[in-house]
Amino acid sequence: MKALWLLAASFLCASCRAGGEAASNPETSAHAGASVATPTANEALNQFDRRRPVPLLPFMAQHQKQNMREHLEAVQELVAATAVGDFEKVQTAAKRMGFSESMGRMCEHMGAGAPGFTEQALRFHHTADEIAKAATQQDSAAVLAALSKTLTTCTSCHATYKQQVVASLPQ
């Protein structure tokens, strides 16, 4: 037991002595402070969040978030309409999330800097088309099954990608 205390005391003295020497030497203390740089909040988050970045200019990032909010509103309307059997409203809500040529171009533009993102985004829109198709059959179970498939593409994309707001896009 005495040996353990002696070892701990020796270590403590050596640590204090090394700290004192560093404090008395301006070069050493300046270098020691620089090596312990605290990461920014975004750097710390990025150490934990290993999703692939989708580089976007600020206005693009905002536009994409707004589109995703609109998709969530469409899902909410779709579920409410399915609950009461209003298949016309189900179809209308699904079409808001569905594929169109302009939506396809936007997905290509937004995903240009992140391999695989465009394909994932287009898959989402095409699965939403399946919801609209199920609504024309007035089949609640098929609507919900198609919605589940669509939401699976959402969660998969959000698990894989994150926005990275940048000052300029890579060439």
N, C-alpha and C. Protein backbone atom coordinates (compact mmCIF):
# COMPACT_ATOMS: atom_id res chain seq x y z
N MET A 1 0.83 -1.18 0.00
CA MET A 1 0.00 0.00 0.00
C MET A 1 0.87 1.25 0.00
N LYS A 2 1.99 1.20 0.83
CA LYS A 2 2.89 2.34 0.86
C LYS A 2 3.51 2.59 -0.50
N ALA A 3 3.78 1.52 -1.22
CA ALA A 3 4.38 1.65 -2.55
C ALA A 3 3.42 2.37 -3.51
N LEU A 4 2.15 2.08 -3.40
CA LEU A 4 1.16 2.73 -4.25
C LEU A 4 1.08 4.22 -3.95
N TRP A 5 1.09 4.59 -2.65
CA TRP A 5 1.07 6.00 -2.26
C TRP A 5 2.33 6.71 -2.73
N LEU A 6 3.46 6.05 -2.60
CA LEU A 6 4.74 6.64 -3.02
C LEU A 6 4.73 6.87 -4.53
N LEU A 7 4.22 5.92 -5.29
CA LEU A 7 4.15 6.05 -6.74
C LEU A 7 3.22 7.21 -7.12
N ALA A 8 2.06 7.31 -6.47
CA ALA A 8 1.11 8.39 -6.76
C ALA A 8 1.71 9.75 -6.42
N ALA A 9 2.40 9.85 -5.29
CA ALA A 9 3.02 11.11 -4.89
C ALA A 9 4.11 11.51 -5.86
N SER A 10 4.90 10.54 -6.32
CA SER A 10 5.97 10.82 -7.29
C SER A 10 5.38 11.34 -8.60
N PHE A 11 4.31 10.72 -9.04
CA PHE A 11 3.65 11.14 -10.27
C PHE A 11 3.10 12.56 -10.13
N LEU A 12 2.47 12.84 -9.00
CA LEU A 12 1.91 14.16 -8.75
C LEU A 12 3.00 15.23 -8.74
N CYS A 13 4.12 14.94 -8.09
CA CYS A 13 5.23 15.90 -8.05
C CYS A 13 5.80 16.14 -9.44
N ALA A 14 5.94 15.08 -10.21
CA ALA A 14 6.49 15.22 -11.56
C ALA A 14 5.53 16.04 -12.42
N SER A 15 4.23 15.83 -12.25
CA SER A 15 3.25 16.60 -13.02
C SER A 15 3.30 18.06 -12.66
N CYS A 16 3.38 18.36 -11.36
CA CYS A 16 3.44 19.75 -10.92
C CYS A 16 4.70 20.41 -11.44
N ARG A 17 5.80 19.70 -11.39
CA ARG A 17 7.07 20.24 -11.83
C ARG A 17 7.03 20.53 -13.34
N ALA A 18 6.48 19.59 -14.12
CA ALA A 18 6.39 19.80 -15.56
C ALA A 18 5.48 20.98 -15.87
N GLY A 19 4.38 21.11 -15.15
CA GLY A 19 3.48 22.24 -15.34
C GLY A 19 4.15 23.54 -14.99
N GLY A 20 4.91 23.55 -13.95
CA GLY A 20 5.62 24.76 -13.54
C GLY A 20 6.66 25.16 -14.56
N GLU A 21 7.37 24.19 -15.11
CA GLU A 21 8.38 24.49 -16.13
C GLU A 21 7.72 25.05 -17.38
N ALA A 22 6.58 24.50 -17.76
CA ALA A 22 5.89 24.99 -18.96
C ALA A 22 5.40 26.42 -18.74
N ALA A 23 4.92 26.72 -17.55
CA ALA A 23 4.43 28.06 -17.26
C ALA A 23 5.55 29.08 -17.24
N SER A 24 6.75 28.65 -16.86
CA SER A 24 7.86 29.58 -16.81
C SER A 24 8.50 29.79 -18.18
N ASN A 25 8.21 28.95 -19.15
CA ASN A 25 8.77 29.06 -20.48
C ASN A 25 7.65 29.50 -21.44
N PRO A 26 7.67 30.77 -21.90
CA PRO A 26 6.59 31.28 -22.76
C PRO A 26 6.37 30.46 -24.02
N GLU A 27 7.44 29.95 -24.63
CA GLU A 27 7.27 29.16 -25.86
C GLU A 27 6.51 27.88 -25.58
N THR A 28 6.88 27.21 -24.49
CA THR A 28 6.24 25.95 -24.15
C THR A 28 4.78 26.16 -23.77
N SER A 29 4.49 27.19 -22.97
CA SER A 29 3.11 27.38 -22.53
C SER A 29 2.23 27.83 -23.69
N ALA A 30 2.73 28.61 -24.64
CA ALA A 30 1.95 29.04 -25.80
C ALA A 30 1.64 27.84 -26.68
N HIS A 31 2.63 26.97 -26.85
CA HIS A 31 2.43 25.78 -27.68
C HIS A 31 1.44 24.82 -27.02
N ALA A 32 1.53 24.66 -25.72
CA ALA A 32 0.64 23.76 -25.00
C ALA A 32 -0.80 24.24 -25.12
N GLY A 33 -1.04 25.53 -25.04
CA GLY A 33 -2.40 26.07 -25.16
C GLY A 33 -2.96 25.86 -26.55
N ALA A 34 -2.12 25.97 -27.57
CA ALA A 34 -2.59 25.84 -28.94
C ALA A 34 -2.98 24.40 -29.26
N SER A 35 -2.33 23.44 -28.62
CA SER A 35 -2.62 22.04 -28.93
C SER A 35 -3.93 21.57 -28.30
N VAL A 36 -4.52 22.36 -27.43
CA VAL A 36 -5.75 21.97 -26.76
C VAL A 36 -6.90 22.87 -27.25
N ALA A 37 -6.95 23.09 -28.55
CA ALA A 37 -7.99 23.94 -29.12
C ALA A 37 -9.35 23.27 -28.95
N THR A 38 -10.29 24.05 -28.51
CA THR A 38 -11.65 23.55 -28.32
C THR A 38 -12.37 23.59 -29.66
N PRO A 39 -12.98 22.47 -30.08
CA PRO A 39 -13.70 22.48 -31.36
C PRO A 39 -14.95 23.35 -31.27
N THR A 40 -15.34 23.90 -32.41
CA THR A 40 -16.59 24.68 -32.44
C THR A 40 -17.75 23.70 -32.23
N ALA A 41 -18.90 24.25 -31.98
CA ALA A 41 -20.08 23.40 -31.78
C ALA A 41 -20.36 22.55 -33.02
N ASN A 42 -20.24 23.14 -34.22
CA ASN A 42 -20.46 22.38 -35.45
C ASN A 42 -19.42 21.29 -35.64
N GLU A 43 -18.16 21.58 -35.31
CA GLU A 43 -17.12 20.56 -35.42
C GLU A 43 -17.40 19.41 -34.46
N ALA A 44 -17.82 19.73 -33.25
CA ALA A 44 -18.14 18.69 -32.27
C ALA A 44 -19.31 17.84 -32.76
N LEU A 45 -20.35 18.48 -33.30
CA LEU A 45 -21.49 17.74 -33.82
C LEU A 45 -21.07 16.83 -34.97
N ASN A 46 -20.24 17.33 -35.86
CA ASN A 46 -19.81 16.54 -37.01
C ASN A 46 -18.98 15.32 -36.61
N GLN A 47 -18.34 15.37 -35.44
CA GLN A 47 -17.61 14.20 -34.95
C GLN A 47 -18.58 13.07 -34.61
N PHE A 48 -19.78 13.42 -34.18
CA PHE A 48 -20.78 12.42 -33.82
C PHE A 48 -21.70 12.07 -34.98
N ASP A 49 -22.00 13.04 -35.82
CA ASP A 49 -22.95 12.87 -36.92
C ASP A 49 -22.18 12.50 -38.18
N ARG A 50 -22.14 11.23 -38.49
CA ARG A 50 -21.33 10.74 -39.60
C ARG A 50 -22.10 10.62 -40.92
N ARG A 51 -23.30 11.24 -40.99
CA ARG A 51 -24.03 11.18 -42.24
C ARG A 51 -23.26 11.93 -43.33
N ARG A 52 -23.57 11.60 -44.58
CA ARG A 52 -22.88 12.24 -45.71
C ARG A 52 -23.45 13.64 -45.94
N PRO A 53 -22.57 14.62 -46.13
CA PRO A 53 -23.05 16.00 -46.33
C PRO A 53 -23.60 16.21 -47.74
N VAL A 54 -24.63 17.03 -47.80
CA VAL A 54 -25.18 17.52 -49.07
C VAL A 54 -24.87 19.01 -49.09
N PRO A 55 -23.83 19.42 -49.84
CA PRO A 55 -23.47 20.84 -49.85
C PRO A 55 -24.53 21.68 -50.56
N LEU A 56 -25.00 22.70 -49.84
CA LEU A 56 -26.05 23.58 -50.37
C LEU A 56 -25.75 25.02 -49.99
N LEU A 57 -26.04 25.92 -50.90
CA LEU A 57 -25.99 27.34 -50.57
C LEU A 57 -27.11 27.63 -49.58
N PRO A 58 -27.01 28.70 -48.79
CA PRO A 58 -28.03 28.97 -47.78
C PRO A 58 -29.46 28.99 -48.34
N PHE A 59 -29.69 29.66 -49.47
CA PHE A 59 -31.05 29.73 -50.01
C PHE A 59 -31.52 28.35 -50.48
N MET A 60 -30.60 27.51 -50.96
CA MET A 60 -30.96 26.15 -51.38
C MET A 60 -31.35 25.31 -50.16
N ALA A 61 -30.57 25.45 -49.08
CA ALA A 61 -30.86 24.69 -47.86
C ALA A 61 -32.23 25.06 -47.31
N GLN A 62 -32.53 26.35 -47.31
CA GLN A 62 -33.83 26.80 -46.82
C GLN A 62 -34.95 26.29 -47.72
N HIS A 63 -34.75 26.33 -49.02
CA HIS A 63 -35.75 25.85 -49.96
C HIS A 63 -36.00 24.35 -49.77
N GLN A 64 -34.94 23.60 -49.58
CA GLN A 64 -35.08 22.16 -49.37
C GLN A 64 -35.84 21.87 -48.07
N LYS A 65 -35.51 22.59 -47.01
CA LYS A 65 -36.23 22.38 -45.75
C LYS A 65 -37.71 22.72 -45.90
N GLN A 66 -38.00 23.78 -46.62
CA GLN A 66 -39.40 24.16 -46.84
C GLN A 66 -40.13 23.06 -47.62
N ASN A 67 -39.48 22.49 -48.62
CA ASN A 67 -40.09 21.40 -49.38
C ASN A 67 -40.38 20.20 -48.47
N MET A 68 -39.44 19.88 -47.60
CA MET A 68 -39.64 18.74 -46.70
C MET A 68 -40.77 19.02 -45.71
N ARG A 69 -40.89 20.26 -45.25
CA ARG A 69 -42.02 20.61 -44.37
C ARG A 69 -43.35 20.45 -45.12
N GLU A 70 -43.36 20.86 -46.38
CA GLU A 70 -44.57 20.70 -47.19
C GLU A 70 -44.91 19.22 -47.39
N HIS A 71 -43.89 18.39 -47.54
CA HIS A 71 -44.12 16.95 -47.65
C HIS A 71 -44.73 16.40 -46.36
N LEU A 72 -44.24 16.87 -45.23
CA LEU A 72 -44.81 16.43 -43.94
C LEU A 72 -46.27 16.86 -43.81
N GLU A 73 -46.57 18.07 -44.25
CA GLU A 73 -47.97 18.53 -44.23
C GLU A 73 -48.83 17.65 -45.13
N ALA A 74 -48.29 17.27 -46.28
CA ALA A 74 -49.03 16.40 -47.19
C ALA A 74 -49.27 15.04 -46.55
N VAL A 75 -48.28 14.51 -45.85
CA VAL A 75 -48.45 13.23 -45.15
C VAL A 75 -49.55 13.35 -44.10
N GLN A 76 -49.54 14.44 -43.36
CA GLN A 76 -50.56 14.65 -42.33
C GLN A 76 -51.96 14.71 -42.95
N GLU A 77 -52.10 15.44 -44.04
CA GLU A 77 -53.38 15.53 -44.74
C GLU A 77 -53.80 14.18 -45.30
N LEU A 78 -52.84 13.45 -45.82
CA LEU A 78 -53.08 12.15 -46.41
C LEU A 78 -53.61 11.17 -45.35
N VAL A 79 -52.98 11.15 -44.18
CA VAL A 79 -53.40 10.26 -43.10
C VAL A 79 -54.81 10.63 -42.64
N ALA A 80 -55.06 11.92 -42.46
CA ALA A 80 -56.39 12.37 -42.02
C ALA A 80 -57.45 11.99 -43.05
N ALA A 81 -57.15 12.17 -44.32
CA ALA A 81 -58.11 11.84 -45.38
C ALA A 81 -58.33 10.33 -45.46
N THR A 82 -57.29 9.55 -45.27
CA THR A 82 -57.42 8.09 -45.28
C THR A 82 -58.32 7.63 -44.14
N ALA A 83 -58.18 8.27 -42.99
CA ALA A 83 -58.98 7.89 -41.82
C ALA A 83 -60.48 8.04 -42.07
N VAL A 84 -60.86 8.99 -42.90
CA VAL A 84 -62.30 9.20 -43.16
C VAL A 84 -62.72 8.69 -44.54
N GLY A 85 -61.79 8.05 -45.25
CA GLY A 85 -62.12 7.48 -46.55
C GLY A 85 -62.29 8.49 -47.66
N ASP A 86 -61.66 9.65 -47.54
CA ASP A 86 -61.74 10.68 -48.59
C ASP A 86 -60.57 10.47 -49.56
N PHE A 87 -60.75 9.57 -50.49
CA PHE A 87 -59.65 9.18 -51.38
C PHE A 87 -59.27 10.26 -52.38
N GLU A 88 -60.17 11.17 -52.66
CA GLU A 88 -59.83 12.30 -53.53
C GLU A 88 -58.78 13.18 -52.85
N LYS A 89 -58.99 13.44 -51.55
CA LYS A 89 -58.00 14.24 -50.80
C LYS A 89 -56.70 13.46 -50.62
N VAL A 90 -56.79 12.15 -50.45
CA VAL A 90 -55.58 11.32 -50.35
C VAL A 90 -54.76 11.49 -51.62
N GLN A 91 -55.44 11.38 -52.75
CA GLN A 91 -54.75 11.50 -54.04
C GLN A 91 -54.14 12.89 -54.22
N THR A 92 -54.87 13.92 -53.85
CA THR A 92 -54.37 15.29 -53.97
C THR A 92 -53.12 15.48 -53.11
N ALA A 93 -53.16 14.99 -51.88
CA ALA A 93 -52.00 15.12 -50.97
C ALA A 93 -50.81 14.33 -51.50
N ALA A 94 -51.07 13.13 -52.00
CA ALA A 94 -49.98 12.30 -52.52
C ALA A 94 -49.32 12.96 -53.74
N LYS A 95 -50.13 13.56 -54.57
CA LYS A 95 -49.58 14.21 -55.76
C LYS A 95 -48.69 15.39 -55.40
N ARG A 96 -48.92 16.01 -54.26
CA ARG A 96 -48.04 17.11 -53.82
C ARG A 96 -46.63 16.61 -53.53
N MET A 97 -46.51 15.33 -53.22
CA MET A 97 -45.19 14.73 -52.95
C MET A 97 -44.66 13.97 -54.14
N GLY A 98 -45.51 13.73 -55.13
CA GLY A 98 -45.15 12.87 -56.25
C GLY A 98 -44.13 13.48 -57.20
N PHE A 99 -43.78 12.68 -58.18
CA PHE A 99 -42.76 13.09 -59.16
C PHE A 99 -43.36 14.01 -60.21
N SER A 100 -42.57 15.00 -60.58
CA SER A 100 -42.85 15.86 -61.73
C SER A 100 -41.50 16.20 -62.35
N GLU A 101 -41.53 16.63 -63.58
CA GLU A 101 -40.28 16.99 -64.25
C GLU A 101 -39.54 18.11 -63.50
N SER A 102 -40.28 19.11 -63.03
CA SER A 102 -39.62 20.21 -62.31
C SER A 102 -39.05 19.72 -60.97
N MET A 103 -39.76 18.81 -60.31
CA MET A 103 -39.24 18.27 -59.06
C MET A 103 -37.98 17.44 -59.33
N GLY A 104 -37.98 16.70 -60.41
CA GLY A 104 -36.81 15.91 -60.79
C GLY A 104 -35.59 16.79 -61.03
N ARG A 105 -35.80 17.90 -61.74
CA ARG A 105 -34.68 18.84 -61.99
C ARG A 105 -34.17 19.43 -60.68
N MET A 106 -35.11 19.76 -59.79
CA MET A 106 -34.69 20.34 -58.51
C MET A 106 -33.89 19.32 -57.70
N CYS A 107 -34.32 18.07 -57.69
CA CYS A 107 -33.59 17.03 -56.96
C CYS A 107 -32.18 16.86 -57.52
N GLU A 108 -32.07 16.89 -58.83
CA GLU A 108 -30.75 16.78 -59.47
C GLU A 108 -29.86 17.95 -59.08
N HIS A 109 -30.43 19.14 -59.07
CA HIS A 109 -29.67 20.33 -58.73
C HIS A 109 -29.22 20.29 -57.25
N MET A 110 -30.16 19.97 -56.36
CA MET A 110 -29.84 19.94 -54.93
C MET A 110 -28.83 18.85 -54.59
N GLY A 111 -28.94 17.72 -55.27
CA GLY A 111 -28.08 16.58 -54.94
C GLY A 111 -26.80 16.48 -55.73
N ALA A 112 -26.50 17.49 -56.54
CA ALA A 112 -25.33 17.42 -57.43
C ALA A 112 -24.02 17.19 -56.67
N GLY A 113 -23.90 17.68 -55.46
CA GLY A 113 -22.65 17.56 -54.72
C GLY A 113 -22.58 16.37 -53.77
N ALA A 114 -23.59 15.50 -53.80
CA ALA A 114 -23.63 14.36 -52.87
C ALA A 114 -24.01 13.09 -53.64
N PRO A 115 -23.03 12.26 -53.95
CA PRO A 115 -23.32 11.03 -54.71
C PRO A 115 -24.43 10.21 -54.05
N GLY A 116 -25.40 9.82 -54.87
CA GLY A 116 -26.50 8.99 -54.40
C GLY A 116 -27.71 9.76 -53.89
N PHE A 117 -27.54 11.03 -53.59
CA PHE A 117 -28.65 11.80 -53.02
C PHE A 117 -29.79 11.97 -54.02
N THR A 118 -29.47 12.32 -55.25
CA THR A 118 -30.51 12.55 -56.26
C THR A 118 -31.35 11.29 -56.45
N GLU A 119 -30.70 10.15 -56.54
CA GLU A 119 -31.42 8.90 -56.74
C GLU A 119 -32.36 8.62 -55.55
N GLN A 120 -31.87 8.89 -54.36
CA GLN A 120 -32.68 8.69 -53.15
C GLN A 120 -33.89 9.63 -53.17
N ALA A 121 -33.67 10.88 -53.54
CA ALA A 121 -34.77 11.86 -53.58
C ALA A 121 -35.80 11.47 -54.64
N LEU A 122 -35.35 11.04 -55.80
CA LEU A 122 -36.28 10.64 -56.85
C LEU A 122 -37.08 9.40 -56.44
N ARG A 123 -36.44 8.50 -55.73
CA ARG A 123 -37.13 7.30 -55.23
C ARG A 123 -38.29 7.71 -54.32
N PHE A 124 -38.05 8.72 -53.47
CA PHE A 124 -39.10 9.23 -52.59
C PHE A 124 -40.31 9.68 -53.41
N HIS A 125 -40.07 10.51 -54.41
CA HIS A 125 -41.17 11.06 -55.20
C HIS A 125 -41.93 9.96 -55.96
N HIS A 126 -41.21 8.98 -56.45
CA HIS A 126 -41.87 7.90 -57.18
C HIS A 126 -42.69 7.01 -56.23
N THR A 127 -42.22 6.82 -55.00
CA THR A 127 -43.04 6.04 -54.06
C THR A 127 -44.31 6.81 -53.68
N ALA A 128 -44.24 8.13 -53.65
CA ALA A 128 -45.45 8.92 -53.39
C ALA A 128 -46.46 8.75 -54.51
N ASP A 129 -45.98 8.54 -55.73
CA ASP A 129 -46.89 8.27 -56.85
C ASP A 129 -47.69 6.99 -56.60
N GLU A 130 -47.08 6.02 -55.92
CA GLU A 130 -47.76 4.77 -55.61
C GLU A 130 -48.93 5.00 -54.64
N ILE A 131 -48.79 6.00 -53.77
CA ILE A 131 -49.89 6.34 -52.85
C ILE A 131 -51.08 6.84 -53.66
N ALA A 132 -50.81 7.75 -54.59
CA ALA A 132 -51.89 8.30 -55.42
C ALA A 132 -52.58 7.19 -56.22
N LYS A 133 -51.81 6.26 -56.72
CA LYS A 133 -52.37 5.14 -57.48
C LYS A 133 -53.28 4.29 -56.58
N ALA A 134 -52.84 4.02 -55.34
CA ALA A 134 -53.66 3.25 -54.40
C ALA A 134 -54.94 4.00 -54.06
N ALA A 135 -54.86 5.32 -54.01
CA ALA A 135 -56.06 6.12 -53.71
C ALA A 135 -57.10 5.99 -54.80
N THR A 136 -56.67 5.86 -56.06
CA THR A 136 -57.63 5.71 -57.15
C THR A 136 -58.39 4.39 -57.03
N GLN A 137 -57.80 3.42 -56.35
CA GLN A 137 -58.45 2.12 -56.13
C GLN A 137 -59.33 2.14 -54.87
N GLN A 138 -59.30 3.28 -54.15
CA GLN A 138 -60.06 3.45 -52.91
C GLN A 138 -59.80 2.31 -51.93
N ASP A 139 -58.50 2.04 -51.75
CA ASP A 139 -58.06 0.93 -50.89
C ASP A 139 -57.20 1.49 -49.76
N SER A 140 -57.79 1.65 -48.59
CA SER A 140 -57.07 2.23 -47.44
C SER A 140 -55.82 1.44 -47.08
N ALA A 141 -55.91 0.12 -47.11
CA ALA A 141 -54.74 -0.71 -46.76
C ALA A 141 -53.60 -0.48 -47.76
N ALA A 142 -53.95 -0.39 -49.04
CA ALA A 142 -52.92 -0.15 -50.06
C ALA A 142 -52.35 1.25 -49.93
N VAL A 143 -53.19 2.23 -49.58
CA VAL A 143 -52.70 3.60 -49.36
C VAL A 143 -51.68 3.60 -48.22
N LEU A 144 -52.04 2.94 -47.12
CA LEU A 144 -51.13 2.93 -45.96
C LEU A 144 -49.85 2.15 -46.24
N ALA A 145 -49.96 1.07 -47.00
CA ALA A 145 -48.76 0.31 -47.36
C ALA A 145 -47.83 1.16 -48.23
N ALA A 146 -48.41 1.89 -49.19
CA ALA A 146 -47.60 2.77 -50.04
C ALA A 146 -47.02 3.92 -49.23
N LEU A 147 -47.80 4.45 -48.30
CA LEU A 147 -47.28 5.52 -47.43
C LEU A 147 -46.12 5.00 -46.59
N SER A 148 -46.23 3.80 -46.09
CA SER A 148 -45.14 3.21 -45.31
C SER A 148 -43.86 3.12 -46.15
N LYS A 149 -44.01 2.71 -47.40
CA LYS A 149 -42.86 2.63 -48.31
C LYS A 149 -42.24 4.02 -48.53
N THR A 150 -43.11 5.01 -48.69
CA THR A 150 -42.64 6.38 -48.88
C THR A 150 -41.90 6.87 -47.64
N LEU A 151 -42.47 6.64 -46.47
CA LEU A 151 -41.82 7.08 -45.23
C LEU A 151 -40.51 6.34 -44.99
N THR A 152 -40.42 5.11 -45.46
CA THR A 152 -39.15 4.37 -45.36
C THR A 152 -38.07 5.07 -46.17
N THR A 153 -38.43 5.60 -47.35
CA THR A 153 -37.43 6.33 -48.14
C THR A 153 -37.02 7.61 -47.42
N CYS A 154 -37.98 8.24 -46.72
CA CYS A 154 -37.66 9.46 -45.95
C CYS A 154 -36.64 9.16 -44.85
N THR A 155 -36.97 8.18 -44.04
CA THR A 155 -36.10 7.88 -42.90
C THR A 155 -34.74 7.40 -43.37
N SER A 156 -34.70 6.65 -44.45
CA SER A 156 -33.43 6.19 -44.99
C SER A 156 -32.57 7.36 -45.46
N CYS A 157 -33.19 8.31 -46.13
CA CYS A 157 -32.46 9.47 -46.62
C CYS A 157 -31.93 10.31 -45.46
N HIS A 158 -32.80 10.56 -44.47
CA HIS A 158 -32.38 11.36 -43.32
C HIS A 158 -31.31 10.65 -42.49
N ALA A 159 -31.28 9.33 -42.53
CA ALA A 159 -30.25 8.58 -41.82
C ALA A 159 -28.92 8.60 -42.56
N THR A 160 -28.97 8.88 -43.85
CA THR A 160 -27.77 8.84 -44.69
C THR A 160 -27.17 10.22 -44.96
N TYR A 161 -28.01 11.23 -45.13
CA TYR A 161 -27.55 12.55 -45.56
C TYR A 161 -27.90 13.65 -44.55
N LYS A 162 -27.12 14.72 -44.60
CA LYS A 162 -27.38 15.93 -43.81
C LYS A 162 -27.03 17.13 -44.67
N GLN A 163 -27.70 18.22 -44.41
CA GLN A 163 -27.36 19.45 -45.12
C GLN A 163 -26.02 19.98 -44.62
N GLN A 164 -25.25 20.50 -45.55
CA GLN A 164 -24.01 21.21 -45.22
C GLN A 164 -24.10 22.56 -45.94
N VAL A 165 -24.40 23.59 -45.17
CA VAL A 165 -24.53 24.91 -45.77
C VAL A 165 -23.13 25.44 -46.08
N VAL A 166 -22.93 25.85 -47.33
CA VAL A 166 -21.62 26.29 -47.80
C VAL A 166 -21.73 27.68 -48.43
N ALA A 167 -20.61 28.37 -48.51
CA ALA A 167 -20.58 29.70 -49.13
C ALA A 167 -20.59 29.61 -50.65
N SER A 168 -20.00 28.52 -51.18
CA SER A 168 -20.02 28.31 -52.63
C SER A 168 -20.03 26.80 -52.88
N LEU A 169 -20.61 26.44 -54.01
CA LEU A 169 -20.70 25.01 -54.35
C LEU A 169 -19.43 24.54 -55.02
N PRO A 170 -19.04 23.28 -54.76
CA PRO A 170 -17.86 22.73 -55.44
C PRO A 170 -18.12 22.63 -56.94
N GLN A 171 -17.10 22.82 -57.73
CA GLN A 171 -17.24 22.78 -59.19
C GLN A 171 -17.21 21.38 -59.71
